[in-house]
């Protein structure tokens, strides 16, 4: 009986641990300027819209999500695609 209860408890706990973590992309700041000097560079980030009717804002939002997933809160935006369906930049973690 104890082993069944323990097994049931472990199954419930393992189901809870697989909840996806949604990063707070809305907290990522996008600017064309360099970040403050006390920020740590994380790396390149990219945003894309997968439809031809997408907007540059959707590409930027996707780039912010990429940055948030990597732990960044600041992105120096460096380029956008000619059709407005992509954006690229460098992500930073700032205090």
PDB file of N, CA and C in Angstrom:
ATOM      1  N   UNK A   1       0.825  -1.205   0.000  1.00  0.00           N
ATOM      2  CA  UNK A   1       0.000   0.000   0.000  1.00  0.00           C
ATOM      3  C   UNK A   1       0.867   1.266   0.000  1.00  0.00           C
ATOM      4  N   UNK A   2       1.919   1.259   0.842  1.00  0.00           N
ATOM      5  CA  UNK A   2       2.799   2.426   0.903  1.00  0.00           C
ATOM      6  C   UNK A   2       3.494   2.653  -0.439  1.00  0.00           C
ATOM      7  N   UNK A   3       3.890   1.577  -1.092  1.00  0.00           N
ATOM      8  CA  UNK A   3       4.590   1.734  -2.365  1.00  0.00           C
ATOM      9  C   UNK A   3       3.664   2.313  -3.431  1.00  0.00           C
ATOM     10  N   UNK A   4       2.391   1.975  -3.402  1.00  0.00           N
ATOM     11  CA  UNK A   4       1.434   2.543  -4.366  1.00  0.00           C
ATOM     12  C   UNK A   4       1.215   4.027  -4.107  1.00  0.00           C
ATOM     13  N   UNK A   5       1.140   4.383  -2.845  1.00  0.00           N
ATOM     14  CA  UNK A   5       0.971   5.793  -2.489  1.00  0.00           C
ATOM     15  C   UNK A   5       2.204   6.595  -2.908  1.00  0.00           C
ATOM     16  N   UNK A   6       3.373   6.044  -2.673  1.00  0.00           N
ATOM     17  CA  UNK A   6       4.604   6.706  -3.065  1.00  0.00           C
ATOM     18  C   UNK A   6       4.676   6.847  -4.587  1.00  0.00           C
ATOM     19  N   UNK A   7       4.316   5.818  -5.309  1.00  0.00           N
ATOM     20  CA  UNK A   7       4.314   5.859  -6.763  1.00  0.00           C
ATOM     21  C   UNK A   7       3.334   6.913  -7.280  1.00  0.00           C
ATOM     22  N   UNK A   8       2.152   6.957  -6.695  1.00  0.00           N
ATOM     23  CA  UNK A   8       1.158   7.951  -7.110  1.00  0.00           C
ATOM     24  C   UNK A   8       1.669   9.363  -6.843  1.00  0.00           C
ATOM     25  N   UNK A   9       2.296   9.571  -5.701  1.00  0.00           N
ATOM     26  CA  UNK A   9       2.833  10.882  -5.358  1.00  0.00           C
ATOM     27  C   UNK A   9       3.934  11.287  -6.346  1.00  0.00           C
ATOM     28  N   UNK A  10       4.817  10.371  -6.669  1.00  0.00           N
ATOM     29  CA  UNK A  10       5.881  10.669  -7.627  1.00  0.00           C
ATOM     30  C   UNK A  10       5.328  10.998  -8.999  1.00  0.00           C
ATOM     31  N   UNK A  11       4.295  10.297  -9.431  1.00  0.00           N
ATOM     32  CA  UNK A  11       3.683  10.579 -10.723  1.00  0.00           C
ATOM     33  C   UNK A  11       3.072  11.973 -10.761  1.00  0.00           C
ATOM     34  N   UNK A  12       2.416  12.361  -9.689  1.00  0.00           N
ATOM     35  CA  UNK A  12       1.810  13.689  -9.624  1.00  0.00           C
ATOM     36  C   UNK A  12       2.892  14.760  -9.638  1.00  0.00           C
ATOM     37  N   UNK A  13       3.940  14.562  -8.846  1.00  0.00           N
ATOM     38  CA  UNK A  13       5.017  15.549  -8.799  1.00  0.00           C
ATOM     39  C   UNK A  13       5.753  15.650 -10.123  1.00  0.00           C
ATOM     40  N   UNK A  14       5.985  14.525 -10.786  1.00  0.00           N
ATOM     41  CA  UNK A  14       6.685  14.596 -12.068  1.00  0.00           C
ATOM     42  C   UNK A  14       5.830  15.269 -13.129  1.00  0.00           C
ATOM     43  N   UNK A  15       4.535  15.130 -13.068  1.00  0.00           N
ATOM     44  CA  UNK A  15       3.650  15.810 -14.015  1.00  0.00           C
ATOM     45  C   UNK A  15       3.725  17.318 -13.816  1.00  0.00           C
ATOM     46  N   UNK A  16       3.839  17.757 -12.579  1.00  0.00           N
ATOM     47  CA  UNK A  16       3.922  19.190 -12.299  1.00  0.00           C
ATOM     48  C   UNK A  16       5.253  19.780 -12.756  1.00  0.00           C
ATOM     49  N   UNK A  17       6.310  18.989 -12.718  1.00  0.00           N
ATOM     50  CA  UNK A  17       7.622  19.530 -13.061  1.00  0.00           C
ATOM     51  C   UNK A  17       7.797  19.752 -14.554  1.00  0.00           C
ATOM     52  N   UNK A  18       6.891  19.264 -15.384  1.00  0.00           N
ATOM     53  CA  UNK A  18       7.018  19.437 -16.821  1.00  0.00           C
ATOM     54  C   UNK A  18       6.195  20.613 -17.344  1.00  0.00           C
ATOM     55  N   UNK A  19       5.743  21.463 -16.475  1.00  0.00           N
ATOM     56  CA  UNK A  19       5.032  22.660 -16.901  1.00  0.00           C
ATOM     57  C   UNK A  19       6.018  23.583 -17.611  1.00  0.00           C
ATOM     58  N   UNK A  20       5.681  24.075 -18.787  1.00  0.00           N
ATOM     59  CA  UNK A  20       6.619  24.968 -19.474  1.00  0.00           C
ATOM     60  C   UNK A  20       6.751  26.294 -18.736  1.00  0.00           C
ATOM     61  N   UNK A  21       7.962  26.819 -18.747  1.00  0.00           N
ATOM     62  CA  UNK A  21       8.208  28.126 -18.131  1.00  0.00           C
ATOM     63  C   UNK A  21       8.111  29.168 -19.232  1.00  0.00           C
ATOM     64  N   UNK A  22       7.234  30.120 -19.053  1.00  0.00           N
ATOM     65  CA  UNK A  22       7.041  31.163 -20.059  1.00  0.00           C
ATOM     66  C   UNK A  22       7.865  32.380 -19.645  1.00  0.00           C
ATOM     67  N   UNK A  23       8.880  32.720 -20.420  1.00  0.00           N
ATOM     68  CA  UNK A  23       9.689  33.882 -20.071  1.00  0.00           C
ATOM     69  C   UNK A  23       8.912  35.174 -20.258  1.00  0.00           C
ATOM     70  N   UNK A  24       9.331  36.188 -19.575  1.00  0.00           N
ATOM     71  CA  UNK A  24       8.669  37.479 -19.636  1.00  0.00           C
ATOM     72  C   UNK A  24       9.268  38.333 -20.748  1.00  0.00           C
ATOM     73  N   UNK A  25       8.876  38.050 -21.972  1.00  0.00           N
ATOM     74  CA  UNK A  25       9.394  38.796 -23.115  1.00  0.00           C
ATOM     75  C   UNK A  25       9.013  40.268 -23.038  1.00  0.00           C
ATOM     76  N   UNK A  26       7.911  40.576 -22.375  1.00  0.00           N
ATOM     77  CA  UNK A  26       7.486  41.977 -22.296  1.00  0.00           C
ATOM     78  C   UNK A  26       8.470  42.821 -21.491  1.00  0.00           C
ATOM     79  N   UNK A  27       9.332  42.171 -20.695  1.00  0.00           N
ATOM     80  CA  UNK A  27      10.318  42.894 -19.890  1.00  0.00           C
ATOM     81  C   UNK A  27      11.637  43.117 -20.621  1.00  0.00           C
ATOM     82  N   UNK A  28      11.734  42.654 -21.857  1.00  0.00           N
ATOM     83  CA  UNK A  28      12.962  42.830 -22.640  1.00  0.00           C
ATOM     84  C   UNK A  28      12.903  44.181 -23.347  1.00  0.00           C
ATOM     85  N   UNK A  29      13.921  44.979 -23.108  1.00  0.00           N
ATOM     86  CA  UNK A  29      14.002  46.313 -23.712  1.00  0.00           C
ATOM     87  C   UNK A  29      14.768  46.220 -25.031  1.00  0.00           C
ATOM     88  N   UNK A  30      14.229  46.827 -26.083  1.00  0.00           N
ATOM     89  CA  UNK A  30      14.858  46.822 -27.399  1.00  0.00           C
ATOM     90  C   UNK A  30      15.291  48.241 -27.738  1.00  0.00           C
ATOM     91  N   UNK A  31      16.583  48.397 -28.052  1.00  0.00           N
ATOM     92  CA  UNK A  31      17.099  49.708 -28.462  1.00  0.00           C
ATOM     93  C   UNK A  31      18.175  49.511 -29.511  1.00  0.00           C
ATOM     94  N   UNK A  32      18.447  50.550 -30.256  1.00  0.00           N
ATOM     95  CA  UNK A  32      19.535  50.495 -31.238  1.00  0.00           C
ATOM     96  C   UNK A  32      20.862  50.927 -30.603  1.00  0.00           C
ATOM     97  N   UNK A  33      20.818  51.512 -29.419  1.00  0.00           N
ATOM     98  CA  UNK A  33      22.022  51.955 -28.724  1.00  0.00           C
ATOM     99  C   UNK A  33      22.675  50.794 -27.988  1.00  0.00           C
ATOM    100  N   UNK A  34      23.987  50.965 -27.713  1.00  0.00           N
ATOM    101  CA  UNK A  34      24.688  49.986 -26.891  1.00  0.00           C
ATOM    102  C   UNK A  34      24.092  49.983 -25.494  1.00  0.00           C
ATOM    103  N   UNK A  35      24.138  48.846 -24.818  1.00  0.00           N
ATOM    104  CA  UNK A  35      23.610  48.787 -23.460  1.00  0.00           C
ATOM    105  C   UNK A  35      24.552  49.488 -22.482  1.00  0.00           C
ATOM    106  N   UNK A  36      24.108  49.714 -21.260  1.00  0.00           N
ATOM    107  CA  UNK A  36      25.015  50.272 -20.246  1.00  0.00           C
ATOM    108  C   UNK A  36      26.252  49.383 -20.087  1.00  0.00           C
ATOM    109  N   UNK A  37      27.342  49.940 -19.634  1.00  0.00           N
ATOM    110  CA  UNK A  37      28.617  49.218 -19.556  1.00  0.00           C
ATOM    111  C   UNK A  37      28.601  48.053 -18.568  1.00  0.00           C
ATOM    112  N   UNK A  38      27.674  48.048 -17.616  1.00  0.00           N
ATOM    113  CA  UNK A  38      27.653  46.962 -16.631  1.00  0.00           C
ATOM    114  C   UNK A  38      26.788  45.772 -17.067  1.00  0.00           C
ATOM    115  N   UNK A  39      26.364  45.745 -18.319  1.00  0.00           N
ATOM    116  CA  UNK A  39      25.573  44.632 -18.851  1.00  0.00           C
ATOM    117  C   UNK A  39      26.496  43.540 -19.383  1.00  0.00           C
ATOM    118  N   UNK A  40      26.038  42.303 -19.285  1.00  0.00           N
ATOM    119  CA  UNK A  40      26.803  41.146 -19.752  1.00  0.00           C
ATOM    120  C   UNK A  40      26.211  40.650 -21.073  1.00  0.00           C
ATOM    121  N   UNK A  41      27.043  40.501 -22.080  1.00  0.00           N
ATOM    122  CA  UNK A  41      26.578  40.016 -23.375  1.00  0.00           C
ATOM    123  C   UNK A  41      26.232  38.531 -23.285  1.00  0.00           C
ATOM    124  N   UNK A  42      25.062  38.180 -23.833  1.00  0.00           N
ATOM    125  CA  UNK A  42      24.612  36.793 -23.849  1.00  0.00           C
ATOM    126  C   UNK A  42      24.795  36.176 -25.228  1.00  0.00           C
ATOM    127  N   UNK A  43      24.509  36.921 -26.275  1.00  0.00           N
ATOM    128  CA  UNK A  43      24.693  36.392 -27.618  1.00  0.00           C
ATOM    129  C   UNK A  43      23.656  36.892 -28.601  1.00  0.00           C
ATOM    130  N   UNK A  44      23.691  36.339 -29.804  1.00  0.00           N
ATOM    131  CA  UNK A  44      22.789  36.740 -30.885  1.00  0.00           C
ATOM    132  C   UNK A  44      21.371  36.261 -30.617  1.00  0.00           C
ATOM    133  N   UNK A  45      20.421  37.073 -31.032  1.00  0.00           N
ATOM    134  CA  UNK A  45      19.011  36.693 -30.995  1.00  0.00           C
ATOM    135  C   UNK A  45      18.384  37.052 -32.331  1.00  0.00           C
ATOM    136  N   UNK A  46      17.385  36.278 -32.692  1.00  0.00           N
ATOM    137  CA  UNK A  46      16.725  36.448 -33.982  1.00  0.00           C
ATOM    138  C   UNK A  46      15.217  36.348 -33.771  1.00  0.00           C
ATOM    139  N   UNK A  47      14.489  37.157 -34.512  1.00  0.00           N
ATOM    140  CA  UNK A  47      13.037  37.058 -34.532  1.00  0.00           C
ATOM    141  C   UNK A  47      12.556  36.924 -35.954  1.00  0.00           C
ATOM    142  N   UNK A  48      11.572  36.070 -36.159  1.00  0.00           N
ATOM    143  CA  UNK A  48      11.060  35.853 -37.507  1.00  0.00           C
ATOM    144  C   UNK A  48       9.546  35.745 -37.495  1.00  0.00           C
ATOM    145  N   UNK A  49       8.974  36.156 -38.596  1.00  0.00           N
ATOM    146  CA  UNK A  49       7.552  35.947 -38.848  1.00  0.00           C
ATOM    147  C   UNK A  49       7.494  34.949 -39.993  1.00  0.00           C
ATOM    148  N   UNK A  50       6.707  33.937 -39.834  1.00  0.00           N
ATOM    149  CA  UNK A  50       6.708  32.864 -40.818  1.00  0.00           C
ATOM    150  C   UNK A  50       5.640  32.999 -41.903  1.00  0.00           C
ATOM    151  N   UNK A  51       5.015  34.153 -41.959  1.00  0.00           N
ATOM    152  CA  UNK A  51       4.031  34.396 -43.017  1.00  0.00           C
ATOM    153  C   UNK A  51       4.403  35.681 -43.744  1.00  0.00           C
ATOM    154  N   UNK A  52       3.999  35.790 -44.980  1.00  0.00           N
ATOM    155  CA  UNK A  52       4.303  36.997 -45.748  1.00  0.00           C
ATOM    156  C   UNK A  52       3.476  38.192 -45.302  1.00  0.00           C
ATOM    157  N   UNK A  53       2.406  37.931 -44.563  1.00  0.00           N
ATOM    158  CA  UNK A  53       1.581  39.040 -44.092  1.00  0.00           C
ATOM    159  C   UNK A  53       2.012  39.522 -42.706  1.00  0.00           C
ATOM    160  N   UNK A  54       3.150  39.009 -42.191  1.00  0.00           N
ATOM    161  CA  UNK A  54       3.635  39.417 -40.878  1.00  0.00           C
ATOM    162  C   UNK A  54       4.170  40.833 -40.886  1.00  0.00           C
ATOM    163  N   UNK A  55       4.339  41.362 -39.685  1.00  0.00           N
ATOM    164  CA  UNK A  55       4.839  42.735 -39.541  1.00  0.00           C
ATOM    165  C   UNK A  55       6.187  42.737 -38.832  1.00  0.00           C
ATOM    166  N   UNK A  56       6.891  43.844 -38.924  1.00  0.00           N
ATOM    167  CA  UNK A  56       8.165  43.984 -38.238  1.00  0.00           C
ATOM    168  C   UNK A  56       7.954  43.906 -36.727  1.00  0.00           C
ATOM    169  N   UNK A  57       6.812  44.384 -36.240  1.00  0.00           N
ATOM    170  CA  UNK A  57       6.541  44.302 -34.799  1.00  0.00           C
ATOM    171  C   UNK A  57       6.443  42.850 -34.343  1.00  0.00           C
ATOM    172  N   UNK A  58       5.856  41.998 -35.167  1.00  0.00           N
ATOM    173  CA  UNK A  58       5.780  40.574 -34.827  1.00  0.00           C
ATOM    174  C   UNK A  58       7.182  39.954 -34.796  1.00  0.00           C
ATOM    175  N   UNK A  59       8.048  40.352 -35.725  1.00  0.00           N
ATOM    176  CA  UNK A  59       9.422  39.850 -35.735  1.00  0.00           C
ATOM    177  C   UNK A  59      10.176  40.326 -34.489  1.00  0.00           C
ATOM    178  N   UNK A  60       9.956  41.572 -34.086  1.00  0.00           N
ATOM    179  CA  UNK A  60      10.593  42.102 -32.877  1.00  0.00           C
ATOM    180  C   UNK A  60      10.080  41.371 -31.646  1.00  0.00           C
ATOM    181  N   UNK A  61       8.788  41.121 -31.584  1.00  0.00           N
ATOM    182  CA  UNK A  61       8.223  40.370 -30.456  1.00  0.00           C
ATOM    183  C   UNK A  61       8.828  38.975 -30.376  1.00  0.00           C
ATOM    184  N   UNK A  62       9.035  38.324 -31.522  1.00  0.00           N
ATOM    185  CA  UNK A  62       9.653  37.005 -31.551  1.00  0.00           C
ATOM    186  C   UNK A  62      11.107  37.086 -31.086  1.00  0.00           C
ATOM    187  N   UNK A  63      11.816  38.139 -31.466  1.00  0.00           N
ATOM    188  CA  UNK A  63      13.191  38.341 -31.028  1.00  0.00           C
ATOM    189  C   UNK A  63      13.245  38.559 -29.512  1.00  0.00           C
ATOM    190  N   UNK A  64      12.291  39.313 -28.973  1.00  0.00           N
ATOM    191  CA  UNK A  64      12.218  39.529 -27.523  1.00  0.00           C
ATOM    192  C   UNK A  64      12.010  38.211 -26.787  1.00  0.00           C
ATOM    193  N   UNK A  65      11.184  37.338 -27.356  1.00  0.00           N
ATOM    194  CA  UNK A  65      10.942  36.026 -26.746  1.00  0.00           C
ATOM    195  C   UNK A  65      12.228  35.194 -26.762  1.00  0.00           C
ATOM    196  N   UNK A  66      12.961  35.227 -27.856  1.00  0.00           N
ATOM    197  CA  UNK A  66      14.239  34.523 -27.946  1.00  0.00           C
ATOM    198  C   UNK A  66      15.191  35.042 -26.871  1.00  0.00           C
ATOM    199  N   UNK A  67      15.248  36.346 -26.716  1.00  0.00           N
ATOM    200  CA  UNK A  67      16.125  36.953 -25.710  1.00  0.00           C
ATOM    201  C   UNK A  67      15.713  36.548 -24.296  1.00  0.00           C
ATOM    202  N   UNK A  68      14.422  36.588 -24.015  1.00  0.00           N
ATOM    203  CA  UNK A  68      13.929  36.235 -22.680  1.00  0.00           C
ATOM    204  C   UNK A  68      14.248  34.780 -22.359  1.00  0.00           C
ATOM    205  N   UNK A  69      14.111  33.905 -23.328  1.00  0.00           N
ATOM    206  CA  UNK A  69      14.432  32.483 -23.116  1.00  0.00           C
ATOM    207  C   UNK A  69      15.907  32.283 -22.766  1.00  0.00           C
ATOM    208  N   UNK A  70      16.747  33.183 -23.239  1.00  0.00           N
ATOM    209  CA  UNK A  70      18.184  33.092 -22.969  1.00  0.00           C
ATOM    210  C   UNK A  70      18.572  33.843 -21.697  1.00  0.00           C
ATOM    211  N   UNK A  71      17.610  34.466 -21.031  1.00  0.00           N
ATOM    212  CA  UNK A  71      17.879  35.173 -19.784  1.00  0.00           C
ATOM    213  C   UNK A  71      18.239  36.634 -19.951  1.00  0.00           C
ATOM    214  N   UNK A  72      17.991  37.187 -21.116  1.00  0.00           N
ATOM    215  CA  UNK A  72      18.332  38.588 -21.382  1.00  0.00           C
ATOM    216  C   UNK A  72      17.181  39.518 -21.034  1.00  0.00           C
ATOM    217  N   UNK A  73      17.521  40.772 -20.770  1.00  0.00           N
ATOM    218  CA  UNK A  73      16.488  41.788 -20.546  1.00  0.00           C
ATOM    219  C   UNK A  73      16.744  43.052 -21.380  1.00  0.00           C
ATOM    220  N   UNK A  74      17.743  42.988 -22.264  1.00  0.00           N
ATOM    221  CA  UNK A  74      18.069  44.113 -23.143  1.00  0.00           C
ATOM    222  C   UNK A  74      18.562  43.538 -24.465  1.00  0.00           C
ATOM    223  N   UNK A  75      18.095  44.115 -25.571  1.00  0.00           N
ATOM    224  CA  UNK A  75      18.583  43.709 -26.894  1.00  0.00           C
ATOM    225  C   UNK A  75      18.972  44.956 -27.664  1.00  0.00           C
ATOM    226  N   UNK A  76      20.203  44.921 -28.188  1.00  0.00           N
ATOM    227  CA  UNK A  76      20.632  45.961 -29.124  1.00  0.00           C
ATOM    228  C   UNK A  76      20.224  45.468 -30.509  1.00  0.00           C
ATOM    229  N   UNK A  77      19.202  46.104 -31.076  1.00  0.00           N
ATOM    230  CA  UNK A  77      18.697  45.687 -32.385  1.00  0.00           C
ATOM    231  C   UNK A  77      19.671  46.162 -33.452  1.00  0.00           C
ATOM    232  N   UNK A  78      20.054  45.228 -34.340  1.00  0.00           N
ATOM    233  CA  UNK A  78      21.082  45.541 -35.318  1.00  0.00           C
ATOM    234  C   UNK A  78      20.593  45.528 -36.753  1.00  0.00           C
ATOM    235  N   UNK A  79      19.596  44.714 -37.067  1.00  0.00           N
ATOM    236  CA  UNK A  79      19.117  44.694 -38.449  1.00  0.00           C
ATOM    237  C   UNK A  79      17.708  44.119 -38.526  1.00  0.00           C
ATOM    238  N   UNK A  80      17.056  44.490 -39.622  1.00  0.00           N
ATOM    239  CA  UNK A  80      15.745  43.930 -39.934  1.00  0.00           C
ATOM    240  C   UNK A  80      15.791  43.438 -41.380  1.00  0.00           C
ATOM    241  N   UNK A  81      14.946  42.459 -41.671  1.00  0.00           N
ATOM    242  CA  UNK A  81      14.893  41.929 -43.031  1.00  0.00           C
ATOM    243  C   UNK A  81      14.255  42.914 -43.985  1.00  0.00           C
ATOM    244  N   UNK A  82      14.570  42.784 -45.245  1.00  0.00           N
ATOM    245  CA  UNK A  82      14.065  43.694 -46.274  1.00  0.00           C
ATOM    246  C   UNK A  82      12.541  43.669 -46.369  1.00  0.00           C
ATOM    247  N   UNK A  83      11.946  42.538 -46.098  1.00  0.00           N
ATOM    248  CA  UNK A  83      10.485  42.410 -46.192  1.00  0.00           C
ATOM    249  C   UNK A  83       9.796  42.687 -44.856  1.00  0.00           C
ATOM    250  N   UNK A  84      10.568  43.022 -43.825  1.00  0.00           N
ATOM    251  CA  UNK A  84       9.972  43.306 -42.522  1.00  0.00           C
ATOM    252  C   UNK A  84       9.515  42.075 -41.779  1.00  0.00           C
ATOM    253  N   UNK A  85      10.073  40.918 -42.119  1.00  0.00           N
ATOM    254  CA  UNK A  85       9.643  39.690 -41.455  1.00  0.00           C
ATOM    255  C   UNK A  85      10.730  39.069 -40.591  1.00  0.00           C
ATOM    256  N   UNK A  86      11.829  39.797 -40.371  1.00  0.00           N
ATOM    257  CA  UNK A  86      12.876  39.295 -39.483  1.00  0.00           C
ATOM    258  C   UNK A  86      13.584  40.453 -38.797  1.00  0.00           C
ATOM    259  N   UNK A  87      14.167  40.133 -37.643  1.00  0.00           N
ATOM    260  CA  UNK A  87      14.940  41.115 -36.868  1.00  0.00           C
ATOM    261  C   UNK A  87      16.076  40.378 -36.187  1.00  0.00           C
ATOM    262  N   UNK A  88      17.229  41.032 -36.052  1.00  0.00           N
ATOM    263  CA  UNK A  88      18.386  40.434 -35.404  1.00  0.00           C
ATOM    264  C   UNK A  88      19.029  41.429 -34.458  1.00  0.00           C
ATOM    265  N   UNK A  89      19.645  40.896 -33.427  1.00  0.00           N
ATOM    266  CA  UNK A  89      20.338  41.756 -32.483  1.00  0.00           C
ATOM    267  C   UNK A  89      21.206  40.961 -31.552  1.00  0.00           C
ATOM    268  N   UNK A  90      21.776  41.652 -30.562  1.00  0.00           N
ATOM    269  CA  UNK A  90      22.599  41.031 -29.548  1.00  0.00           C
ATOM    270  C   UNK A  90      21.898  41.207 -28.212  1.00  0.00           C
ATOM    271  N   UNK A  91      21.802  40.104 -27.471  1.00  0.00           N
ATOM    272  CA  UNK A  91      21.095  40.099 -26.181  1.00  0.00           C
ATOM    273  C   UNK A  91      22.083  40.330 -25.035  1.00  0.00           C
ATOM    274  N   UNK A  92      21.608  41.008 -23.993  1.00  0.00           N
ATOM    275  CA  UNK A  92      22.403  41.310 -22.807  1.00  0.00           C
ATOM    276  C   UNK A  92      21.575  41.085 -21.553  1.00  0.00           C
ATOM    277  N   UNK A  93      22.263  40.763 -20.466  1.00  0.00           N
ATOM    278  CA  UNK A  93      21.649  40.728 -19.148  1.00  0.00           C
ATOM    279  C   UNK A  93      22.157  41.941 -18.399  1.00  0.00           C
ATOM    280  N   UNK A  94      21.250  42.835 -18.059  1.00  0.00           N
ATOM    281  CA  UNK A  94      21.617  44.070 -17.361  1.00  0.00           C
ATOM    282  C   UNK A  94      21.054  44.050 -15.940  1.00  0.00           C
ATOM    283  N   UNK A  95      21.818  44.615 -15.024  1.00  0.00           N
ATOM    284  CA  UNK A  95      21.325  44.654 -13.626  1.00  0.00           C
ATOM    285  C   UNK A  95      20.141  45.582 -13.453  1.00  0.00           C
TER     286      UNK A  95
END
